Amino acid sequence: MSIISVSGASESRVAPVISEFALEKDQSIVVCSSMERARRLALDLSFFIRDKEVVLLSETDSILLRYDARNRDDELERLKALKMLRTGEKVVIICPVSSFIHKLTPH
């Protein structure tokens, strides 16, 4: 596994740099500082990366919601991304730090 930190570049230049590294590997995880940055980067990367699926994982803040009233779309997207990682599919996963450190149940 490689860890690459891109800092000091304007946001418009981050996507081409990351896409070069992401094209070298079948699977990549990109961690952003905020959800807004992750969303913009996902849109930009989908332009540069055509042969892989770009998956955006949203923030998880379900503490204030009741369990039965939650929207399951984010959870389904997370499971889809985990399945793609486990089966070896070509994917670039983009997420904010809060989503990256979220603890998951064992498989």
PDB file of N, CA and C in Angstrom:
ATOM      1  N   MET A   1       0.838  -1.161   0.000  1.00  0.00           N
ATOM      2  CA  MET A   1       0.000   0.000   0.000  1.00  0.00           C
ATOM      3  C   MET A   1       0.889   1.232   0.000  1.00  0.00           C
ATOM      4  N   SER A   2       0.503   2.208  -0.772  1.00  0.00           N
ATOM      5  CA  SER A   2       1.232   3.469  -0.842  1.00  0.00           C
ATOM      6  C   SER A   2       0.403   4.573  -0.223  1.00  0.00           C
ATOM      7  N   ILE A   3       1.052   5.454   0.506  1.00  0.00           N
ATOM      8  CA  ILE A   3       0.397   6.626   1.063  1.00  0.00           C
ATOM      9  C   ILE A   3       1.033   7.842   0.423  1.00  0.00           C
ATOM     10  N   ILE A   4       0.202   8.660  -0.183  1.00  0.00           N
ATOM     11  CA  ILE A   4       0.686   9.844  -0.879  1.00  0.00           C
ATOM     12  C   ILE A   4      -0.070  11.041  -0.334  1.00  0.00           C
ATOM     13  N   SER A   5       0.645  12.082   0.027  1.00  0.00           N
ATOM     14  CA  SER A   5       0.024  13.303   0.529  1.00  0.00           C
ATOM     15  C   SER A   5       0.204  14.396  -0.512  1.00  0.00           C
ATOM     16  N   VAL A   6      -0.907  14.984  -0.919  1.00  0.00           N
ATOM     17  CA  VAL A   6      -0.863  16.090  -1.868  1.00  0.00           C
ATOM     18  C   VAL A   6      -1.260  17.342  -1.110  1.00  0.00           C
ATOM     19  N   SER A   7      -0.326  18.265  -0.967  1.00  0.00           N
ATOM     20  CA  SER A   7      -0.633  19.507  -0.264  1.00  0.00           C
ATOM     21  C   SER A   7       0.059  20.658  -0.968  1.00  0.00           C
ATOM     22  N   GLY A   8      -0.491  21.836  -0.781  1.00  0.00           N
ATOM     23  CA  GLY A   8       0.090  23.026  -1.379  1.00  0.00           C
ATOM     24  C   GLY A   8      -0.347  23.296  -2.806  1.00  0.00           C
ATOM     25  N   ALA A   9      -1.116  22.386  -3.383  1.00  0.00           N
ATOM     26  CA  ALA A   9      -1.599  22.585  -4.750  1.00  0.00           C
ATOM     27  C   ALA A   9      -3.017  23.134  -4.704  1.00  0.00           C
ATOM     28  N   SER A  10      -3.358  23.942  -5.691  1.00  0.00           N
ATOM     29  CA  SER A  10      -4.728  24.444  -5.745  1.00  0.00           C
ATOM     30  C   SER A  10      -5.668  23.283  -6.053  1.00  0.00           C
ATOM     31  N   GLU A  11      -6.924  23.444  -5.694  1.00  0.00           N
ATOM     32  CA  GLU A  11      -7.877  22.342  -5.859  1.00  0.00           C
ATOM     33  C   GLU A  11      -8.030  21.898  -7.304  1.00  0.00           C
ATOM     34  N   SER A  12      -7.870  22.798  -8.231  1.00  0.00           N
ATOM     35  CA  SER A  12      -8.009  22.431  -9.640  1.00  0.00           C
ATOM     36  C   SER A  12      -6.854  21.558 -10.126  1.00  0.00           C
ATOM     37  N   ARG A  13      -5.749  21.552  -9.415  1.00  0.00           N
ATOM     38  CA  ARG A  13      -4.597  20.742  -9.827  1.00  0.00           C
ATOM     39  C   ARG A  13      -4.496  19.421  -9.083  1.00  0.00           C
ATOM     40  N   VAL A  14      -5.304  19.242  -8.057  1.00  0.00           N
ATOM     41  CA  VAL A  14      -5.226  18.015  -7.271  1.00  0.00           C
ATOM     42  C   VAL A  14      -5.748  16.816  -8.062  1.00  0.00           C
ATOM     43  N   ALA A  15      -6.857  16.971  -8.753  1.00  0.00           N
ATOM     44  CA  ALA A  15      -7.469  15.856  -9.481  1.00  0.00           C
ATOM     45  C   ALA A  15      -6.537  15.246 -10.538  1.00  0.00           C
ATOM     46  N   PRO A  16      -5.865  16.039 -11.377  1.00  0.00           N
ATOM     47  CA  PRO A  16      -4.956  15.409 -12.341  1.00  0.00           C
ATOM     48  C   PRO A  16      -3.796  14.666 -11.684  1.00  0.00           C
ATOM     49  N   VAL A  17      -3.303  15.198 -10.579  1.00  0.00           N
ATOM     50  CA  VAL A  17      -2.193  14.541  -9.869  1.00  0.00           C
ATOM     51  C   VAL A  17      -2.662  13.219  -9.278  1.00  0.00           C
ATOM     52  N   ILE A  18      -3.797  13.237  -8.608  1.00  0.00           N
ATOM     53  CA  ILE A  18      -4.318  12.020  -7.994  1.00  0.00           C
ATOM     54  C   ILE A  18      -4.701  10.996  -9.052  1.00  0.00           C
ATOM     55  N   SER A  19      -5.241  11.450 -10.171  1.00  0.00           N
ATOM     56  CA  SER A  19      -5.644  10.505 -11.221  1.00  0.00           C
ATOM     57  C   SER A  19      -4.446   9.745 -11.775  1.00  0.00           C
ATOM     58  N   GLU A  20      -3.292  10.381 -11.861  1.00  0.00           N
ATOM     59  CA  GLU A  20      -2.083   9.684 -12.328  1.00  0.00           C
ATOM     60  C   GLU A  20      -1.715   8.544 -11.385  1.00  0.00           C
ATOM     61  N   PHE A  21      -1.778   8.791 -10.082  1.00  0.00           N
ATOM     62  CA  PHE A  21      -1.475   7.742  -9.111  1.00  0.00           C
ATOM     63  C   PHE A  21      -2.566   6.683  -9.094  1.00  0.00           C
ATOM     64  N   ALA A  22      -3.808   7.084  -9.213  1.00  0.00           N
ATOM     65  CA  ALA A  22      -4.927   6.142  -9.164  1.00  0.00           C
ATOM     66  C   ALA A  22      -4.940   5.213 -10.377  1.00  0.00           C
ATOM     67  N   LEU A  23      -4.463   5.678 -11.503  1.00  0.00           N
ATOM     68  CA  LEU A  23      -4.439   4.836 -12.706  1.00  0.00           C
ATOM     69  C   LEU A  23      -3.369   3.747 -12.620  1.00  0.00           C
ATOM     70  N   GLU A  24      -2.376   3.940 -11.755  1.00  0.00           N
ATOM     71  CA  GLU A  24      -1.318   2.937 -11.597  1.00  0.00           C
ATOM     72  C   GLU A  24      -1.787   1.731 -10.792  1.00  0.00           C
ATOM     73  N   LYS A  25      -2.758   1.919  -9.919  1.00  0.00           N
ATOM     74  CA  LYS A  25      -3.260   0.851  -9.050  1.00  0.00           C
ATOM     75  C   LYS A  25      -4.690   0.503  -9.423  1.00  0.00           C
ATOM     76  N   ASP A  26      -5.099  -0.726  -9.138  1.00  0.00           N
ATOM     77  CA  ASP A  26      -6.481  -1.117  -9.402  1.00  0.00           C
ATOM     78  C   ASP A  26      -7.441  -0.487  -8.405  1.00  0.00           C
ATOM     79  N   GLN A  27      -6.995  -0.343  -7.150  1.00  0.00           N
ATOM     80  CA  GLN A  27      -7.851   0.204  -6.104  1.00  0.00           C
ATOM     81  C   GLN A  27      -7.128   1.324  -5.375  1.00  0.00           C
ATOM     82  N   SER A  28      -7.856   2.397  -5.120  1.00  0.00           N
ATOM     83  CA  SER A  28      -7.282   3.543  -4.421  1.00  0.00           C
ATOM     84  C   SER A  28      -8.320   4.108  -3.471  1.00  0.00           C
ATOM     85  N   ILE A  29      -7.826   4.634  -2.341  1.00  0.00           N
ATOM     86  CA  ILE A  29      -8.682   5.343  -1.397  1.00  0.00           C
ATOM     87  C   ILE A  29      -8.081   6.726  -1.212  1.00  0.00           C
ATOM     88  N   VAL A  30      -8.890   7.745  -1.439  1.00  0.00           N
ATOM     89  CA  VAL A  30      -8.458   9.136  -1.305  1.00  0.00           C
ATOM     90  C   VAL A  30      -9.205   9.732  -0.121  1.00  0.00           C
ATOM     91  N   VAL A  31      -8.453  10.237   0.858  1.00  0.00           N
ATOM     92  CA  VAL A  31      -9.050  10.820   2.051  1.00  0.00           C
ATOM     93  C   VAL A  31      -8.894  12.331   1.977  1.00  0.00           C
ATOM     94  N   CYS A  32     -10.014  13.038   2.104  1.00  0.00           N
ATOM     95  CA  CYS A  32     -10.027  14.501   2.041  1.00  0.00           C
ATOM     96  C   CYS A  32     -10.315  15.084   3.418  1.00  0.00           C
ATOM     97  N   SER A  33     -10.032  16.351   3.578  1.00  0.00           N
ATOM     98  CA  SER A  33     -10.221  16.996   4.873  1.00  0.00           C
ATOM     99  C   SER A  33     -11.681  17.280   5.199  1.00  0.00           C
ATOM    100  N   SER A  34     -12.532  17.402   4.203  1.00  0.00           N
ATOM    101  CA  SER A  34     -13.944  17.698   4.458  1.00  0.00           C
ATOM    102  C   SER A  34     -14.816  17.028   3.395  1.00  0.00           C
ATOM    103  N   MET A  35     -16.102  16.984   3.679  1.00  0.00           N
ATOM    104  CA  MET A  35     -17.050  16.385   2.736  1.00  0.00           C
ATOM    105  C   MET A  35     -17.161  17.221   1.470  1.00  0.00           C
ATOM    106  N   GLU A  36     -17.127  18.523   1.620  1.00  0.00           N
ATOM    107  CA  GLU A  36     -17.213  19.400   0.450  1.00  0.00           C
ATOM    108  C   GLU A  36     -16.035  19.178  -0.494  1.00  0.00           C
ATOM    109  N   ARG A  37     -14.834  19.065   0.048  1.00  0.00           N
ATOM    110  CA  ARG A  37     -13.653  18.786  -0.791  1.00  0.00           C
ATOM    111  C   ARG A  37     -13.752  17.413  -1.441  1.00  0.00           C
ATOM    112  N   ALA A  38     -14.244  16.440  -0.702  1.00  0.00           N
ATOM    113  CA  ALA A  38     -14.402  15.093  -1.252  1.00  0.00           C
ATOM    114  C   ALA A  38     -15.397  15.097  -2.405  1.00  0.00           C
ATOM    115  N   ARG A  39     -16.484  15.830  -2.250  1.00  0.00           N
ATOM    116  CA  ARG A  39     -17.508  15.916  -3.302  1.00  0.00           C
ATOM    117  C   ARG A  39     -16.938  16.551  -4.572  1.00  0.00           C
ATOM    118  N   ARG A  40     -16.210  17.665  -4.408  1.00  0.00           N
ATOM    119  CA  ARG A  40     -15.615  18.330  -5.584  1.00  0.00           C
ATOM    120  C   ARG A  40     -14.566  17.447  -6.254  1.00  0.00           C
ATOM    121  N   LEU A  41     -13.758  16.766  -5.439  1.00  0.00           N
ATOM    122  CA  LEU A  41     -12.728  15.901  -6.002  1.00  0.00           C
ATOM    123  C   LEU A  41     -13.346  14.722  -6.746  1.00  0.00           C
ATOM    124  N   ALA A  42     -14.434  14.173  -6.236  1.00  0.00           N
ATOM    125  CA  ALA A  42     -15.107  13.064  -6.915  1.00  0.00           C
ATOM    126  C   ALA A  42     -15.608  13.494  -8.290  1.00  0.00           C
ATOM    127  N   LEU A  43     -16.167  14.678  -8.367  1.00  0.00           N
ATOM    128  CA  LEU A  43     -16.619  15.187  -9.666  1.00  0.00           C
ATOM    129  C   LEU A  43     -15.449  15.387 -10.623  1.00  0.00           C
ATOM    130  N   ASP A  44     -14.363  15.964 -10.117  1.00  0.00           N
ATOM    131  CA  ASP A  44     -13.190  16.200 -10.964  1.00  0.00           C
ATOM    132  C   ASP A  44     -12.541  14.891 -11.404  1.00  0.00           C
ATOM    133  N   LEU A  45     -12.419  13.933 -10.487  1.00  0.00           N
ATOM    134  CA  LEU A  45     -11.772  12.662 -10.830  1.00  0.00           C
ATOM    135  C   LEU A  45     -12.584  11.851 -11.825  1.00  0.00           C
ATOM    136  N   SER A  46     -13.902  11.967 -11.770  1.00  0.00           N
ATOM    137  CA  SER A  46     -14.719  11.217 -12.732  1.00  0.00           C
ATOM    138  C   SER A  46     -14.458  11.680 -14.166  1.00  0.00           C
ATOM    139  N   PHE A  47     -13.938  12.884 -14.330  1.00  0.00           N
ATOM    140  CA  PHE A  47     -13.548  13.361 -15.661  1.00  0.00           C
ATOM    141  C   PHE A  47     -12.240  12.713 -16.103  1.00  0.00           C
ATOM    142  N   PHE A  48     -11.281  12.582 -15.207  1.00  0.00           N
ATOM    143  CA  PHE A  48      -9.960  12.067 -15.551  1.00  0.00           C
ATOM    144  C   PHE A  48      -9.885  10.539 -15.555  1.00  0.00           C
ATOM    145  N   ILE A  49     -10.692   9.887 -14.763  1.00  0.00           N
ATOM    146  CA  ILE A  49     -10.634   8.429 -14.646  1.00  0.00           C
ATOM    147  C   ILE A  49     -11.883   7.839 -15.276  1.00  0.00           C
ATOM    148  N   ARG A  50     -11.725   7.176 -16.391  1.00  0.00           N
ATOM    149  CA  ARG A  50     -12.876   6.643 -17.130  1.00  0.00           C
ATOM    150  C   ARG A  50     -13.025   5.124 -16.980  1.00  0.00           C
ATOM    151  N   ASP A  51     -11.933   4.401 -16.697  1.00  0.00           N
ATOM    152  CA  ASP A  51     -11.998   2.940 -16.674  1.00  0.00           C
ATOM    153  C   ASP A  51     -12.255   2.357 -15.288  1.00  0.00           C
ATOM    154  N   LYS A  52     -12.467   3.222 -14.292  1.00  0.00           N
ATOM    155  CA  LYS A  52     -12.756   2.772 -12.931  1.00  0.00           C
ATOM    156  C   LYS A  52     -13.969   3.513 -12.410  1.00  0.00           C
ATOM    157  N   GLU A  53     -14.620   2.893 -11.450  1.00  0.00           N
ATOM    158  CA  GLU A  53     -15.740   3.572 -10.808  1.00  0.00           C
ATOM    159  C   GLU A  53     -15.202   4.459  -9.692  1.00  0.00           C
ATOM    160  N   VAL A  54     -15.715   5.664  -9.619  1.00  0.00           N
ATOM    161  CA  VAL A  54     -15.360   6.600  -8.559  1.00  0.00           C
ATOM    162  C   VAL A  54     -16.520   6.622  -7.572  1.00  0.00           C
ATOM    163  N   VAL A  55     -16.250   6.201  -6.332  1.00  0.00           N
ATOM    164  CA  VAL A  55     -17.284   6.095  -5.309  1.00  0.00           C
ATOM    165  C   VAL A  55     -17.018   7.140  -4.233  1.00  0.00           C
ATOM    166  N   LEU A  56     -18.037   7.913  -3.909  1.00  0.00           N
ATOM    167  CA  LEU A  56     -17.948   8.935  -2.865  1.00  0.00           C
ATOM    168  C   LEU A  56     -18.659   8.426  -1.622  1.00  0.00           C
ATOM    169  N   LEU A  57     -17.925   8.327  -0.521  1.00  0.00           N
ATOM    170  CA  LEU A  57     -18.520   7.943   0.750  1.00  0.00           C
ATOM    171  C   LEU A  57     -18.811   9.205   1.539  1.00  0.00           C
ATOM    172  N   SER A  58     -20.027   9.329   2.000  1.00  0.00           N
ATOM    173  CA  SER A  58     -20.406  10.541   2.716  1.00  0.00           C
ATOM    174  C   SER A  58     -20.078  10.419   4.200  1.00  0.00           C
ATOM    175  N   GLU A  59     -20.206  11.543   4.881  1.00  0.00           N
ATOM    176  CA  GLU A  59     -19.956  11.571   6.320  1.00  0.00           C
ATOM    177  C   GLU A  59     -21.037  10.789   7.043  1.00  0.00           C
ATOM    178  N   THR A  60     -20.663  10.259   8.173  1.00  0.00           N
ATOM    179  CA  THR A  60     -21.628   9.525   8.980  1.00  0.00           C
ATOM    180  C   THR A  60     -21.876  10.298  10.260  1.00  0.00           C
ATOM    181  N   ASP A  61     -23.060  10.870  10.379  1.00  0.00           N
ATOM    182  CA  ASP A  61     -23.430  11.528  11.625  1.00  0.00           C
ATOM    183  C   ASP A  61     -24.847  11.113  11.985  1.00  0.00           C
ATOM    184  N   SER A  62     -24.964   9.864  12.336  1.00  0.00           N
ATOM    185  CA  SER A  62     -26.275   9.307  12.647  1.00  0.00           C
ATOM    186  C   SER A  62     -26.587   9.346  14.136  1.00  0.00           C
ATOM    187  N   ILE A  63     -25.790  10.032  14.907  1.00  0.00           N
ATOM    188  CA  ILE A  63     -25.980  10.057  16.352  1.00  0.00           C
ATOM    189  C   ILE A  63     -27.309  10.709  16.726  1.00  0.00           C
ATOM    190  N   LEU A  64     -27.689  11.755  16.031  1.00  0.00           N
ATOM    191  CA  LEU A  64     -28.886  12.493  16.393  1.00  0.00           C
ATOM    192  C   LEU A  64     -30.168  11.932  15.779  1.00  0.00           C
ATOM    193  N   LEU A  65     -30.058  10.954  14.929  1.00  0.00           N
ATOM    194  CA  LEU A  65     -31.239  10.391  14.269  1.00  0.00           C
ATOM    195  C   LEU A  65     -31.659   9.089  14.937  1.00  0.00           C
ATOM    196  N   ARG A  66     -32.939   8.841  14.937  1.00  0.00           N
ATOM    197  CA  ARG A  66     -33.402   7.548  15.435  1.00  0.00           C
ATOM    198  C   ARG A  66     -33.025   6.475  14.431  1.00  0.00           C
ATOM    199  N   TYR A  67     -32.811   5.287  14.912  1.00  0.00           N
ATOM    200  CA  TYR A  67     -32.367   4.189  14.066  1.00  0.00           C
ATOM    201  C   TYR A  67     -33.355   3.907  12.944  1.00  0.00           C
ATOM    202  N   ASP A  68     -34.642   3.901  13.222  1.00  0.00           N
ATOM    203  CA  ASP A  68     -35.627   3.541  12.204  1.00  0.00           C
ATOM    204  C   ASP A  68     -35.928   4.681  11.233  1.00  0.00           C
ATOM    205  N   ALA A  69     -35.445   5.890  11.499  1.00  0.00           N
ATOM    206  CA  ALA A  69     -35.738   7.026  10.627  1.00  0.00           C
ATOM    207  C   ALA A  69     -34.567   7.374   9.718  1.00  0.00           C
ATOM    208  N   ARG A  70     -33.508   6.611   9.776  1.00  0.00           N
ATOM    209  CA  ARG A  70     -32.325   6.926   8.974  1.00  0.00           C
ATOM    210  C   ARG A  70     -32.494   6.543   7.505  1.00  0.00           C
ATOM    211  N   ASN A  71     -31.865   7.313   6.669  1.00  0.00           N
ATOM    212  CA  ASN A  71     -31.790   6.995   5.256  1.00  0.00           C
ATOM    213  C   ASN A  71     -30.657   5.978   5.065  1.00  0.00           C
ATOM    214  N   ARG A  72     -30.893   4.923   4.361  1.00  0.00           N
ATOM    215  CA  ARG A  72     -29.914   3.841   4.198  1.00  0.00           C
ATOM    216  C   ARG A  72     -29.026   3.995   2.963  1.00  0.00           C
ATOM    217  N   ASP A  73     -29.200   5.050   2.187  1.00  0.00           N
ATOM    218  CA  ASP A  73     -28.415   5.206   0.964  1.00  0.00           C
ATOM    219  C   ASP A  73     -26.921   5.274   1.237  1.00  0.00           C
ATOM    220  N   ASP A  74     -26.523   6.027   2.260  1.00  0.00           N
ATOM    221  CA  ASP A  74     -25.105   6.135   2.585  1.00  0.00           C
ATOM    222  C   ASP A  74     -24.532   4.797   3.036  1.00  0.00           C
ATOM    223  N   GLU A  75     -25.302   4.077   3.815  1.00  0.00           N
ATOM    224  CA  GLU A  75     -24.851   2.768   4.284  1.00  0.00           C
ATOM    225  C   GLU A  75     -24.713   1.786   3.118  1.00  0.00           C
ATOM    226  N   LEU A  76     -25.644   1.834   2.185  1.00  0.00           N
ATOM    227  CA  LEU A  76     -25.567   0.960   1.011  1.00  0.00           C
ATOM    228  C   LEU A  76     -24.368   1.321   0.132  1.00  0.00           C
ATOM    229  N   GLU A  77     -24.083   2.603   0.005  1.00  0.00           N
ATOM    230  CA  GLU A  77     -22.919   3.034  -0.774  1.00  0.00           C
ATOM    231  C   GLU A  77     -21.626   2.557  -0.109  1.00  0.00           C
ATOM    232  N   ARG A  78     -21.578   2.609   1.214  1.00  0.00           N
ATOM    233  CA  ARG A  78     -20.416   2.136   1.960  1.00  0.00           C
ATOM    234  C   ARG A  78     -20.218   0.626   1.753  1.00  0.00           C
ATOM    235  N   LEU A  79     -21.318  -0.132   1.829  1.00  0.00           N
ATOM    236  CA  LEU A  79     -21.232  -1.575   1.611  1.00  0.00           C
ATOM    237  C   LEU A  79     -20.811  -1.898   0.185  1.00  0.00           C
ATOM    238  N   LYS A  80     -21.296  -1.125  -0.767  1.00  0.00           N
ATOM    239  CA  LYS A  80     -20.899  -1.315  -2.166  1.00  0.00           C
ATOM    240  C   LYS A  80     -19.394  -1.098  -2.325  1.00  0.00           C
ATOM    241  N   ALA A  81     -18.879  -0.035  -1.700  1.00  0.00           N
ATOM    242  CA  ALA A  81     -17.447   0.253  -1.783  1.00  0.00           C
ATOM    243  C   ALA A  81     -16.625  -0.848  -1.124  1.00  0.00           C
ATOM    244  N   LEU A  82     -17.062  -1.317   0.027  1.00  0.00           N
ATOM    245  CA  LEU A  82     -16.344  -2.397   0.708  1.00  0.00           C
ATOM    246  C   LEU A  82     -16.357  -3.681  -0.109  1.00  0.00           C
ATOM    247  N   LYS A  83     -17.478  -3.965  -0.750  1.00  0.00           N
ATOM    248  CA  LYS A  83     -17.564  -5.160  -1.596  1.00  0.00           C
ATOM    249  C   LYS A  83     -16.604  -5.045  -2.774  1.00  0.00           C
ATOM    250  N   MET A  84     -16.530  -3.860  -3.368  1.00  0.00           N
ATOM    251  CA  MET A  84     -15.620  -3.654  -4.498  1.00  0.00           C
ATOM    252  C   MET A  84     -14.165  -3.839  -4.061  1.00  0.00           C
ATOM    253  N   LEU A  85     -13.824  -3.348  -2.875  1.00  0.00           N
ATOM    254  CA  LEU A  85     -12.464  -3.534  -2.360  1.00  0.00           C
ATOM    255  C   LEU A  85     -12.173  -5.007  -2.111  1.00  0.00           C
ATOM    256  N   ARG A  86     -13.134  -5.693  -1.546  1.00  0.00           N
ATOM    257  CA  ARG A  86     -12.932  -7.100  -1.195  1.00  0.00           C
ATOM    258  C   ARG A  86     -12.839  -8.003  -2.422  1.00  0.00           C
ATOM    259  N   THR A  87     -13.610  -7.703  -3.462  1.00  0.00           N
ATOM    260  CA  THR A  87     -13.611  -8.554  -4.659  1.00  0.00           C
ATOM    261  C   THR A  87     -12.538  -8.165  -5.665  1.00  0.00           C
ATOM    262  N   GLY A  88     -11.814  -7.079  -5.398  1.00  0.00           N
ATOM    263  CA  GLY A  88     -10.720  -6.699  -6.285  1.00  0.00           C
ATOM    264  C   GLY A  88     -11.135  -5.893  -7.502  1.00  0.00           C
ATOM    265  N   GLU A  89     -12.330  -5.342  -7.502  1.00  0.00           N
ATOM    266  CA  GLU A  89     -12.775  -4.531  -8.635  1.00  0.00           C
ATOM    267  C   GLU A  89     -11.979  -3.230  -8.708  1.00  0.00           C
ATOM    268  N   LYS A  90     -11.901  -2.667  -9.904  1.00  0.00           N
ATOM    269  CA  LYS A  90     -11.199  -1.400 -10.088  1.00  0.00           C
ATOM    270  C   LYS A  90     -12.062  -0.267  -9.562  1.00  0.00           C
ATOM    271  N   VAL A  91     -11.554   0.448  -8.567  1.00  0.00           N
ATOM    272  CA  VAL A  91     -12.347   1.492  -7.925  1.00  0.00           C
ATOM    273  C   VAL A  91     -11.443   2.546  -7.308  1.00  0.00           C
ATOM    274  N   VAL A  92     -11.953   3.772  -7.287  1.00  0.00           N
ATOM    275  CA  VAL A  92     -11.334   4.868  -6.551  1.00  0.00           C
ATOM    276  C   VAL A  92     -12.379   5.340  -5.552  1.00  0.00           C
ATOM    277  N   ILE A  93     -12.072   5.203  -4.274  1.00  0.00           N
ATOM    278  CA  ILE A  93     -12.993   5.598  -3.222  1.00  0.00           C
ATOM    279  C   ILE A  93     -12.520   6.922  -2.650  1.00  0.00           C
ATOM    280  N   ILE A  94     -13.434   7.876  -2.573  1.00  0.00           N
ATOM    281  CA  ILE A  94     -13.123   9.204  -2.043  1.00  0.00           C
ATOM    282  C   ILE A  94     -14.000   9.430  -0.822  1.00  0.00           C
ATOM    283  N   CYS A  95     -13.376   9.858   0.268  1.00  0.00           N
ATOM    284  CA  CYS A  95     -14.148  10.070   1.493  1.00  0.00           C
ATOM    285  C   CYS A  95     -13.492  11.136   2.359  1.00  0.00           C
ATOM    286  N   PRO A  96     -14.290  11.787   3.207  1.00  0.00           N
ATOM    287  CA  PRO A  96     -13.714  12.708   4.190  1.00  0.00           C
ATOM    288  C   PRO A  96     -13.098  11.900   5.334  1.00  0.00           C
ATOM    289  N   VAL A  97     -12.283  12.543   6.129  1.00  0.00           N
ATOM    290  CA  VAL A  97     -11.611  11.870   7.241  1.00  0.00           C
ATOM    291  C   VAL A  97     -12.613  11.221   8.178  1.00  0.00           C
ATOM    292  N   SER A  98     -13.708  11.914   8.478  1.00  0.00           N
ATOM    293  CA  SER A  98     -14.701  11.378   9.413  1.00  0.00           C
ATOM    294  C   SER A  98     -15.302  10.066   8.929  1.00  0.00           C
ATOM    295  N   SER A  99     -15.453   9.897   7.642  1.00  0.00           N
ATOM    296  CA  SER A  99     -15.979   8.656   7.087  1.00  0.00           C
ATOM    297  C   SER A  99     -14.908   7.567   7.063  1.00  0.00           C
ATOM    298  N   PHE A 100     -13.674   7.966   6.847  1.00  0.00           N
ATOM    299  CA  PHE A 100     -12.573   7.000   6.760  1.00  0.00           C
ATOM    300  C   PHE A 100     -12.309   6.331   8.105  1.00  0.00           C
ATOM    301  N   ILE A 101     -12.444   7.066   9.200  1.00  0.00           N
ATOM    302  CA  ILE A 101     -12.137   6.507  10.513  1.00  0.00           C
ATOM    303  C   ILE A 101     -13.354   5.884  11.188  1.00  0.00           C
ATOM    304  N   HIS A 102     -14.499   5.902  10.526  1.00  0.00           N
ATOM    305  CA  HIS A 102     -15.716   5.313  11.080  1.00  0.00           C
ATOM    306  C   HIS A 102     -15.547   3.804  11.221  1.00  0.00           C
ATOM    307  N   LYS A 103     -15.790   3.296  12.422  1.00  0.00           N
ATOM    308  CA  LYS A 103     -15.623   1.876  12.679  1.00  0.00           C
ATOM    309  C   LYS A 103     -16.751   1.085  12.034  1.00  0.00           C
ATOM    310  N   LEU A 104     -16.377  -0.023  11.417  1.00  0.00           N
ATOM    311  CA  LEU A 104     -17.358  -0.893  10.758  1.00  0.00           C
ATOM    312  C   LEU A 104     -17.478  -2.204  11.513  1.00  0.00           C
ATOM    313  N   THR A 105     -18.588  -2.872  11.306  1.00  0.00           N
ATOM    314  CA  THR A 105     -18.748  -4.193  11.912  1.00  0.00           C
ATOM    315  C   THR A 105     -17.869  -5.200  11.182  1.00  0.00           C
ATOM    316  N   PRO A 106     -17.440  -6.246  11.843  1.00  0.00           N
ATOM    317  CA  PRO A 106     -16.618  -7.283  11.167  1.00  0.00           C
ATOM    318  C   PRO A 106     -17.381  -7.944  10.033  1.00  0.00           C
ATOM    319  N   HIS A 107     -16.666  -8.418   9.021  1.00  0.00           N
ATOM    320  CA  HIS A 107     -17.334  -9.044   7.889  1.00  0.00           C
ATOM    321  C   HIS A 107     -17.899 -10.385   8.290  1.00  0.00           C
TER     322      HIS A 107
END
